[in-house]
Amino acid sequence: MRIFASLRTSLLVMMVVVLGFPTLAQQSYLGKRLNTVTSAVPFLMIAPDARAGSMGDVGVASSPDINSLHWNPAKYAFIKKEMGFSLAYSPWLRALVNDINLAYLTGFMRIDDNSAVAGSLLFFSLGDITFMGENAEVLGNYRPSEFAISGTYSRKFSDHISGAVSGRFIYSNLTQGQFVLGQATKPGTSVAADVAVYYEKDVELFNTDAVFAWGVNISNIGAKISYSDDNLTKDFIPTNLRLGPRLSIDLDDYNTLSFMADLNKLLVPTPPIYKTDGSGEIEKGMNPEVSVPVGMFQSFFDAPGGFSEELREINVSGGVEYWYDKQFALRGGYFYEHDTKGGRKYFTLGVGLKYNVFGLDFAYLIPTAQKHPLENTLRFTLSFDFDAFSDLDAKQSK
């Protein structure tokens, strides 16, 4: 892969090409301007676990599980287990290469009846890449990678609502220290935080027991990231607002059916429309070169197309989950992104199995509008329940 243009463009293009995210160029789509909102380290937004990945990437209000840290860490305060951990694996661009993948290791531990802590490691390997110079000379073979280490504390405020704060360290090494246009590059680092709220309450629906829940999570609130010593080339990380509801219905003692939805919006400035006279002045929209707090605030009203374009920046996903006897699950979902904001649209399917001390979840993605890095790929998550270990020990000791 040749590194070209400017340092900032080179790094962002590398991430877009490998991650399969929308292109950077300003184009037109069916008469409307294609104006995607982009950021550095987009791997932070990939669904890391197979359960959520099989329900259209829904997770902000799904029932609490081991992988809640990515979707809504406030859910840990409502998890019914004492301790557990899981390992998830997602091949990436498997139709083209076999050495790009995303791995996710996470675990939690309950402190008391009202609080819990959790931690995770998200690792993205970009595989073997040959770097080439301006004259097509081989600079070397490298294996770029990125990772994020996260920790969270979740606590109940009442019987029905909880909150959480998370901290995150982000490391992105895309160029392995290569020179770009005579300028040395370095790994990009950043720190970020999440703030989340979760609500859950038992209700009755048509004389049937049910659970209504909703969640809100603002994730990756953090410093811009840079891949050089030049402070003028810093990019936003993917600060994201996620919110949505869930309704779970106990059909009988053995069957449970859940419906849920997520709304997502990147709290990152929208690229403006610049004048074509070469002056660099903005014709429509707002200046994207602002601080992180200002960028988050103006992301709600800075789209060049006005309010209608702001609405197009909201991704919508919905999911359904069916459990039989809390041991076997069937899942499905759909993810929608407007064509002018990237155009990702896909169905997802999956199953879940629980047996004694471990559980297995599988996910499969079916794109409906364009190619996707995860199509024709089976993702899985393996989880371990320490409560089940204790139960087995107790039974064997009798």
Foldseek 3Di string as FASTA:
>chain_A
DEQDDDPLVSQQVVCCVLQVFFDCDFDADPNHIQFADDFPPCVLVDLFAQVCQQFFNDQQAPQDDQPNVSRFVQNVQVDPAAKKKKKWKAAWLVVVDGFWIKIKIKMKGAPDNWKIKMKMKIKTKSGWDFYAYPVRHTPDIDIWMKMKIKMKMKGDPDPFKIKMKMKMKIWGGDPVQDAYPNFTWAIKIKMFMKIKMKTKDWDADPNWIKMKMKMKMFTGLIFFIGGGPPPVSTTGDFGKIKIKMKMWTPPDPFKIKMKMKMKMAGLAATDADADPPPPRHGPFFDDRPDGSVVSSVCLQAGYRVGNVVSVLRIKMKMKMWMGGNNAKIWMKMWIAHDPSHGGWIWIKIKMKGDDQFKIKIKMAIGTDTDDRRRHPIIIMMMMTGVVSVVVVVVVVVD
